[in-house]
Amino acid sequence: MAILISLFTTALFCIFSEPAENSTRWFFEFFVSKGFGAACIWSLTKLYPRWSKTDKWIARYEAWCMKGIEDDIETT
C-alpha cells in the first residue's frame, strides 16, 4: 500500500511541477519531470490490478470500494 501511495504522490509532484524559469535546460527538465510522472501513473495502472488479487490489504480495500459502489447503485 505504501508503494502505491508513494508512486501516486511522486506522479502528482512530477506532473504539476515546473522547472525554474532561469534554467538553461528548461525544456529538458520539463519533459523529464512529466515523463517520470507518466511512468509512475503507468506503473500504478499495472501494479494495482495485480496486487489487488494477492495483497490482503489492497484486496480488502478493493472489496470495500466495490461494496460501496453496489450499495450506492441499490439506493438510487
PDB file of N, CA and C in Angstrom:
ATOM      1  N   MET A   1       0.832  -1.181   0.000  1.00  0.00           N
ATOM      2  CA  MET A   1       0.000   0.000   0.000  1.00  0.00           C
ATOM      3  C   MET A   1       0.883   1.253   0.000  1.00  0.00           C
ATOM      4  N   ALA A   2       1.957   1.216   0.754  1.00  0.00           N
ATOM      5  CA  ALA A   2       2.849   2.371   0.827  1.00  0.00           C
ATOM      6  C   ALA A   2       3.512   2.648  -0.520  1.00  0.00           C
ATOM      7  N   ILE A   3       3.822   1.607  -1.262  1.00  0.00           N
ATOM      8  CA  ILE A   3       4.439   1.795  -2.575  1.00  0.00           C
ATOM      9  C   ILE A   3       3.462   2.474  -3.521  1.00  0.00           C
ATOM     10  N   LEU A   4       2.207   2.063  -3.511  1.00  0.00           N
ATOM     11  CA  LEU A   4       1.208   2.682  -4.381  1.00  0.00           C
ATOM     12  C   LEU A   4       0.990   4.150  -4.016  1.00  0.00           C
ATOM     13  N   ILE A   5       0.931   4.446  -2.733  1.00  0.00           N
ATOM     14  CA  ILE A   5       0.765   5.837  -2.299  1.00  0.00           C
ATOM     15  C   ILE A   5       1.986   6.668  -2.689  1.00  0.00           C
ATOM     16  N   SER A   6       3.174   6.102  -2.543  1.00  0.00           N
ATOM     17  CA  SER A   6       4.392   6.816  -2.924  1.00  0.00           C
ATOM     18  C   SER A   6       4.441   7.086  -4.426  1.00  0.00           C
ATOM     19  N   LEU A   7       4.060   6.099  -5.212  1.00  0.00           N
ATOM     20  CA  LEU A   7       4.028   6.300  -6.668  1.00  0.00           C
ATOM     21  C   LEU A   7       3.036   7.383  -7.059  1.00  0.00           C
ATOM     22  N   PHE A   8       1.865   7.369  -6.439  1.00  0.00           N
ATOM     23  CA  PHE A   8       0.849   8.359  -6.753  1.00  0.00           C
ATOM     24  C   PHE A   8       1.310   9.764  -6.359  1.00  0.00           C
ATOM     25  N   THR A   9       1.905   9.894  -5.185  1.00  0.00           N
ATOM     26  CA  THR A   9       2.385  11.194  -4.730  1.00  0.00           C
ATOM     27  C   THR A   9       3.499  11.711  -5.635  1.00  0.00           C
ATOM     28  N   THR A  10       4.422  10.852  -5.989  1.00  0.00           N
ATOM     29  CA  THR A  10       5.505  11.237  -6.883  1.00  0.00           C
ATOM     30  C   THR A  10       4.966  11.653  -8.244  1.00  0.00           C
ATOM     31  N   ALA A  11       3.983  10.927  -8.743  1.00  0.00           N
ATOM     32  CA  ALA A  11       3.387  11.275 -10.033  1.00  0.00           C
ATOM     33  C   ALA A  11       2.747  12.656  -9.986  1.00  0.00           C
ATOM     34  N   LEU A  12       2.021  12.949  -8.908  1.00  0.00           N
ATOM     35  CA  LEU A  12       1.393  14.271  -8.794  1.00  0.00           C
ATOM     36  C   LEU A  12       2.430  15.378  -8.735  1.00  0.00           C
ATOM     37  N   PHE A  13       3.476  15.188  -7.927  1.00  0.00           N
ATOM     38  CA  PHE A  13       4.520  16.208  -7.838  1.00  0.00           C
ATOM     39  C   PHE A  13       5.202  16.428  -9.182  1.00  0.00           C
ATOM     40  N   CYS A  14       5.487  15.349  -9.887  1.00  0.00           N
ATOM     41  CA  CYS A  14       6.180  15.475 -11.175  1.00  0.00           C
ATOM     42  C   CYS A  14       5.292  16.113 -12.240  1.00  0.00           C
ATOM     43  N   ILE A  15       4.040  15.751 -12.272  1.00  0.00           N
ATOM     44  CA  ILE A  15       3.153  16.279 -13.310  1.00  0.00           C
ATOM     45  C   ILE A  15       2.844  17.754 -13.076  1.00  0.00           C
ATOM     46  N   PHE A  16       2.668  18.149 -11.823  1.00  0.00           N
ATOM     47  CA  PHE A  16       2.305  19.535 -11.538  1.00  0.00           C
ATOM     48  C   PHE A  16       3.493  20.448 -11.260  1.00  0.00           C
ATOM     49  N   SER A  17       4.711  19.949 -11.332  1.00  0.00           N
ATOM     50  CA  SER A  17       5.883  20.788 -11.074  1.00  0.00           C
ATOM     51  C   SER A  17       6.291  21.541 -12.337  1.00  0.00           C
ATOM     52  N   GLU A  18       7.006  22.636 -12.115  1.00  0.00           N
ATOM     53  CA  GLU A  18       7.552  23.415 -13.220  1.00  0.00           C
ATOM     54  C   GLU A  18       9.025  23.670 -12.955  1.00  0.00           C
ATOM     55  N   PRO A  19       9.848  23.639 -13.993  1.00  0.00           N
ATOM     56  CA  PRO A  19      11.262  23.973 -13.814  1.00  0.00           C
ATOM     57  C   PRO A  19      11.419  25.469 -13.506  1.00  0.00           C
ATOM     58  N   ALA A  20      12.565  25.828 -12.943  1.00  0.00           N
ATOM     59  CA  ALA A  20      12.846  27.239 -12.670  1.00  0.00           C
ATOM     60  C   ALA A  20      12.937  28.008 -13.983  1.00  0.00           C
ATOM     61  N   GLU A  21      12.438  29.229 -13.977  1.00  0.00           N
ATOM     62  CA  GLU A  21      12.406  29.999 -15.231  1.00  0.00           C
ATOM     63  C   GLU A  21      13.783  30.389 -15.726  1.00  0.00           C
ATOM     64  N   ASN A  22      14.745  30.521 -14.845  1.00  0.00           N
ATOM     65  CA  ASN A  22      16.082  30.931 -15.282  1.00  0.00           C
ATOM     66  C   ASN A  22      16.968  29.750 -15.642  1.00  0.00           C
ATOM     67  N   SER A  23      16.395  28.570 -15.724  1.00  0.00           N
ATOM     68  CA  SER A  23      17.166  27.380 -16.055  1.00  0.00           C
ATOM     69  C   SER A  23      17.486  27.363 -17.547  1.00  0.00           C
ATOM     70  N   THR A  24      18.714  27.007 -17.883  1.00  0.00           N
ATOM     71  CA  THR A  24      19.100  26.927 -19.295  1.00  0.00           C
ATOM     72  C   THR A  24      18.590  25.643 -19.942  1.00  0.00           C
ATOM     73  N   ARG A  25      18.281  24.651 -19.125  1.00  0.00           N
ATOM     74  CA  ARG A  25      17.775  23.373 -19.654  1.00  0.00           C
ATOM     75  C   ARG A  25      16.298  23.229 -19.330  1.00  0.00           C
ATOM     76  N   TRP A  26      15.520  24.266 -19.506  1.00  0.00           N
ATOM     77  CA  TRP A  26      14.118  24.293 -19.108  1.00  0.00           C
ATOM     78  C   TRP A  26      13.317  23.188 -19.793  1.00  0.00           C
ATOM     79  N   PHE A  27      13.442  23.070 -21.107  1.00  0.00           N
ATOM     80  CA  PHE A  27      12.661  22.071 -21.841  1.00  0.00           C
ATOM     81  C   PHE A  27      13.032  20.649 -21.429  1.00  0.00           C
ATOM     82  N   PHE A  28      14.323  20.408 -21.216  1.00  0.00           N
ATOM     83  CA  PHE A  28      14.762  19.078 -20.788  1.00  0.00           C
ATOM     84  C   PHE A  28      14.165  18.737 -19.428  1.00  0.00           C
ATOM     85  N   GLU A  29      14.273  19.643 -18.480  1.00  0.00           N
ATOM     86  CA  GLU A  29      13.725  19.407 -17.142  1.00  0.00           C
ATOM     87  C   GLU A  29      12.209  19.244 -17.188  1.00  0.00           C
ATOM     88  N   PHE A  30      11.544  20.023 -18.027  1.00  0.00           N
ATOM     89  CA  PHE A  30      10.095  19.943 -18.158  1.00  0.00           C
ATOM     90  C   PHE A  30       9.670  18.562 -18.642  1.00  0.00           C
ATOM     91  N   PHE A  31      10.267  18.096 -19.719  1.00  0.00           N
ATOM     92  CA  PHE A  31       9.862  16.815 -20.292  1.00  0.00           C
ATOM     93  C   PHE A  31      10.298  15.624 -19.438  1.00  0.00           C
ATOM     94  N   VAL A  32      11.417  15.729 -18.755  1.00  0.00           N
ATOM     95  CA  VAL A  32      11.846  14.644 -17.868  1.00  0.00           C
ATOM     96  C   VAL A  32      10.879  14.513 -16.695  1.00  0.00           C
ATOM     97  N   SER A  33      10.480  15.645 -16.092  1.00  0.00           N
ATOM     98  CA  SER A  33       9.567  15.560 -14.945  1.00  0.00           C
ATOM     99  C   SER A  33       8.202  15.032 -15.368  1.00  0.00           C
ATOM    100  N   LYS A  34       7.699  15.472 -16.511  1.00  0.00           N
ATOM    101  CA  LYS A  34       6.394  14.977 -16.981  1.00  0.00           C
ATOM    102  C   LYS A  34       6.477  13.509 -17.395  1.00  0.00           C
ATOM    103  N   GLY A  35       7.585  13.127 -18.002  1.00  0.00           N
ATOM    104  CA  GLY A  35       7.779  11.718 -18.381  1.00  0.00           C
ATOM    105  C   GLY A  35       7.876  10.815 -17.168  1.00  0.00           C
ATOM    106  N   PHE A  36       8.567  11.270 -16.120  1.00  0.00           N
ATOM    107  CA  PHE A  36       8.668  10.466 -14.906  1.00  0.00           C
ATOM    108  C   PHE A  36       7.309  10.353 -14.229  1.00  0.00           C
ATOM    109  N   GLY A  37       6.529  11.429 -14.238  1.00  0.00           N
ATOM    110  CA  GLY A  37       5.174  11.377 -13.683  1.00  0.00           C
ATOM    111  C   GLY A  37       4.297  10.409 -14.456  1.00  0.00           C
ATOM    112  N   ALA A  38       4.403  10.421 -15.774  1.00  0.00           N
ATOM    113  CA  ALA A  38       3.631   9.488 -16.602  1.00  0.00           C
ATOM    114  C   ALA A  38       4.070   8.045 -16.358  1.00  0.00           C
ATOM    115  N   ALA A  39       5.360   7.836 -16.144  1.00  0.00           N
ATOM    116  CA  ALA A  39       5.849   6.486 -15.846  1.00  0.00           C
ATOM    117  C   ALA A  39       5.311   5.991 -14.504  1.00  0.00           C
ATOM    118  N   CYS A  40       5.196   6.887 -13.538  1.00  0.00           N
ATOM    119  CA  CYS A  40       4.622   6.498 -12.238  1.00  0.00           C
ATOM    120  C   CYS A  40       3.152   6.123 -12.385  1.00  0.00           C
ATOM    121  N   ILE A  41       2.406   6.891 -13.172  1.00  0.00           N
ATOM    122  CA  ILE A  41       0.990   6.579 -13.407  1.00  0.00           C
ATOM    123  C   ILE A  41       0.869   5.241 -14.136  1.00  0.00           C
ATOM    124  N   TRP A  42       1.714   5.019 -15.119  1.00  0.00           N
ATOM    125  CA  TRP A  42       1.694   3.742 -15.849  1.00  0.00           C
ATOM    126  C   TRP A  42       1.983   2.583 -14.900  1.00  0.00           C
ATOM    127  N   SER A  43       2.961   2.766 -14.005  1.00  0.00           N
ATOM    128  CA  SER A  43       3.286   1.722 -13.026  1.00  0.00           C
ATOM    129  C   SER A  43       2.100   1.435 -12.115  1.00  0.00           C
ATOM    130  N   LEU A  44       1.398   2.483 -11.707  1.00  0.00           N
ATOM    131  CA  LEU A  44       0.214   2.290 -10.867  1.00  0.00           C
ATOM    132  C   LEU A  44      -0.846   1.472 -11.578  1.00  0.00           C
ATOM    133  N   THR A  45      -1.071   1.766 -12.855  1.00  0.00           N
ATOM    134  CA  THR A  45      -2.110   1.039 -13.588  1.00  0.00           C
ATOM    135  C   THR A  45      -1.745  -0.422 -13.808  1.00  0.00           C
ATOM    136  N   LYS A  46      -0.463  -0.751 -13.780  1.00  0.00           N
ATOM    137  CA  LYS A  46      -0.032  -2.144 -13.939  1.00  0.00           C
ATOM    138  C   LYS A  46       0.030  -2.877 -12.601  1.00  0.00           C
ATOM    139  N   LEU A  47       0.439  -2.192 -11.535  1.00  0.00           N
ATOM    140  CA  LEU A  47       0.628  -2.848 -10.246  1.00  0.00           C
ATOM    141  C   LEU A  47      -0.671  -3.043  -9.475  1.00  0.00           C
ATOM    142  N   TYR A  48      -1.570  -2.064  -9.508  1.00  0.00           N
ATOM    143  CA  TYR A  48      -2.780  -2.155  -8.685  1.00  0.00           C
ATOM    144  C   TYR A  48      -3.636  -3.378  -9.025  1.00  0.00           C
ATOM    145  N   PRO A  49      -3.954  -3.644 -10.291  1.00  0.00           N
ATOM    146  CA  PRO A  49      -4.770  -4.837 -10.572  1.00  0.00           C
ATOM    147  C   PRO A  49      -4.091  -6.143 -10.154  1.00  0.00           C
ATOM    148  N   ARG A  50      -2.793  -6.212 -10.306  1.00  0.00           N
ATOM    149  CA  ARG A  50      -2.068  -7.427  -9.926  1.00  0.00           C
ATOM    150  C   ARG A  50      -2.034  -7.589  -8.411  1.00  0.00           C
ATOM    151  N   TRP A  51      -1.733  -6.509  -7.706  1.00  0.00           N
ATOM    152  CA  TRP A  51      -1.619  -6.591  -6.256  1.00  0.00           C
ATOM    153  C   TRP A  51      -2.971  -6.694  -5.570  1.00  0.00           C
ATOM    154  N   SER A  52      -4.037  -6.230  -6.210  1.00  0.00           N
ATOM    155  CA  SER A  52      -5.351  -6.335  -5.579  1.00  0.00           C
ATOM    156  C   SER A  52      -5.808  -7.793  -5.487  1.00  0.00           C
ATOM    157  N   LYS A  53      -5.188  -8.667  -6.245  1.00  0.00           N
ATOM    158  CA  LYS A  53      -5.513 -10.096  -6.180  1.00  0.00           C
ATOM    159  C   LYS A  53      -4.655 -10.845  -5.167  1.00  0.00           C
ATOM    160  N   THR A  54      -3.484 -10.319  -4.828  1.00  0.00           N
ATOM    161  CA  THR A  54      -2.567 -11.057  -3.974  1.00  0.00           C
ATOM    162  C   THR A  54      -2.368 -10.428  -2.599  1.00  0.00           C
ATOM    163  N   ASP A  55      -2.355  -9.124  -2.502  1.00  0.00           N
ATOM    164  CA  ASP A  55      -2.115  -8.460  -1.226  1.00  0.00           C
ATOM    165  C   ASP A  55      -3.412  -8.351  -0.436  1.00  0.00           C
ATOM    166  N   LYS A  56      -3.385  -8.764   0.829  1.00  0.00           N
ATOM    167  CA  LYS A  56      -4.629  -8.815   1.600  1.00  0.00           C
ATOM    168  C   LYS A  56      -5.180  -7.428   1.911  1.00  0.00           C
ATOM    169  N   TRP A  57      -4.322  -6.426   2.142  1.00  0.00           N
ATOM    170  CA  TRP A  57      -4.815  -5.085   2.444  1.00  0.00           C
ATOM    171  C   TRP A  57      -5.453  -4.443   1.220  1.00  0.00           C
ATOM    172  N   ILE A  58      -4.793  -4.582   0.087  1.00  0.00           N
ATOM    173  CA  ILE A  58      -5.333  -3.992  -1.139  1.00  0.00           C
ATOM    174  C   ILE A  58      -6.592  -4.734  -1.571  1.00  0.00           C
ATOM    175  N   ALA A  59      -6.634  -6.042  -1.372  1.00  0.00           N
ATOM    176  CA  ALA A  59      -7.832  -6.812  -1.714  1.00  0.00           C
ATOM    177  C   ALA A  59      -9.010  -6.395  -0.841  1.00  0.00           C
ATOM    178  N   ARG A  60      -8.771  -6.164   0.444  1.00  0.00           N
ATOM    179  CA  ARG A  60      -9.848  -5.701   1.324  1.00  0.00           C
ATOM    180  C   ARG A  60     -10.311  -4.305   0.937  1.00  0.00           C
ATOM    181  N   TYR A  61      -9.382  -3.439   0.547  1.00  0.00           N
ATOM    182  CA  TYR A  61      -9.741  -2.096   0.094  1.00  0.00           C
ATOM    183  C   TYR A  61     -10.580  -2.171  -1.177  1.00  0.00           C
ATOM    184  N   GLU A  62     -10.191  -3.025  -2.087  1.00  0.00           N
ATOM    185  CA  GLU A  62     -10.937  -3.207  -3.340  1.00  0.00           C
ATOM    186  C   GLU A  62     -12.350  -3.716  -3.056  1.00  0.00           C
ATOM    187  N   ALA A  63     -12.469  -4.686  -2.164  1.00  0.00           N
ATOM    188  CA  ALA A  63     -13.793  -5.224  -1.819  1.00  0.00           C
ATOM    189  C   ALA A  63     -14.649  -4.152  -1.136  1.00  0.00           C
ATOM    190  N   TRP A  64     -14.047  -3.355  -0.273  1.00  0.00           N
ATOM    191  CA  TRP A  64     -14.763  -2.278   0.404  1.00  0.00           C
ATOM    192  C   TRP A  64     -15.288  -1.250  -0.602  1.00  0.00           C
ATOM    193  N   CYS A  65     -14.456  -0.893  -1.588  1.00  0.00           N
ATOM    194  CA  CYS A  65     -14.874   0.060  -2.626  1.00  0.00           C
ATOM    195  C   CYS A  65     -16.018  -0.513  -3.467  1.00  0.00           C
ATOM    196  N   MET A  66     -15.910  -1.763  -3.859  1.00  0.00           N
ATOM    197  CA  MET A  66     -16.950  -2.382  -4.672  1.00  0.00           C
ATOM    198  C   MET A  66     -18.263  -2.500  -3.904  1.00  0.00           C
ATOM    199  N   LYS A  67     -18.177  -2.786  -2.605  1.00  0.00           N
ATOM    200  CA  LYS A  67     -19.379  -2.851  -1.787  1.00  0.00           C
ATOM    201  C   LYS A  67     -20.048  -1.482  -1.713  1.00  0.00           C
ATOM    202  N   GLY A  68     -19.263  -0.433  -1.592  1.00  0.00           N
ATOM    203  CA  GLY A  68     -19.808   0.919  -1.566  1.00  0.00           C
ATOM    204  C   GLY A  68     -20.478   1.291  -2.875  1.00  0.00           C
ATOM    205  N   ILE A  69     -19.883   0.882  -3.981  1.00  0.00           N
ATOM    206  CA  ILE A  69     -20.481   1.156  -5.289  1.00  0.00           C
ATOM    207  C   ILE A  69     -21.795   0.400  -5.442  1.00  0.00           C
ATOM    208  N   GLU A  70     -21.811  -0.864  -5.036  1.00  0.00           N
ATOM    209  CA  GLU A  70     -23.045  -1.665  -5.134  1.00  0.00           C
ATOM    210  C   GLU A  70     -24.142  -1.091  -4.240  1.00  0.00           C
ATOM    211  N   ASP A  71     -23.783  -0.671  -3.026  1.00  0.00           N
ATOM    212  CA  ASP A  71     -24.771  -0.078  -2.132  1.00  0.00           C
ATOM    213  C   ASP A  71     -25.322   1.227  -2.694  1.00  0.00           C
ATOM    214  N   ASP A  72     -24.467   1.998  -3.338  1.00  0.00           N
ATOM    215  CA  ASP A  72     -24.900   3.267  -3.926  1.00  0.00           C
ATOM    216  C   ASP A  72     -25.847   3.025  -5.096  1.00  0.00           C
ATOM    217  N   ILE A  73     -25.558   2.010  -5.900  1.00  0.00           N
ATOM    218  CA  ILE A  73     -26.413   1.692  -7.038  1.00  0.00           C
ATOM    219  C   ILE A  73     -27.789   1.214  -6.565  1.00  0.00           C
ATOM    220  N   GLU A  74     -27.812   0.431  -5.488  1.00  0.00           N
ATOM    221  CA  GLU A  74     -29.086  -0.098  -4.963  1.00  0.00           C
ATOM    222  C   GLU A  74     -29.947   1.009  -4.368  1.00  0.00           C
ATOM    223  N   THR A  75     -29.348   2.048  -3.802  1.00  0.00           N
ATOM    224  CA  THR A  75     -30.148   3.092  -3.157  1.00  0.00           C
ATOM    225  C   THR A  75     -30.664   4.122  -4.149  1.00  0.00           C
ATOM    226  N   THR A  76     -30.111   4.168  -5.348  1.00  0.00           N
ATOM    227  CA  THR A  76     -30.602   5.163  -6.321  1.00  0.00           C
ATOM    228  C   THR A  76     -31.624   4.609  -7.251  1.00  0.00           C
TER     229      THR A  76
END
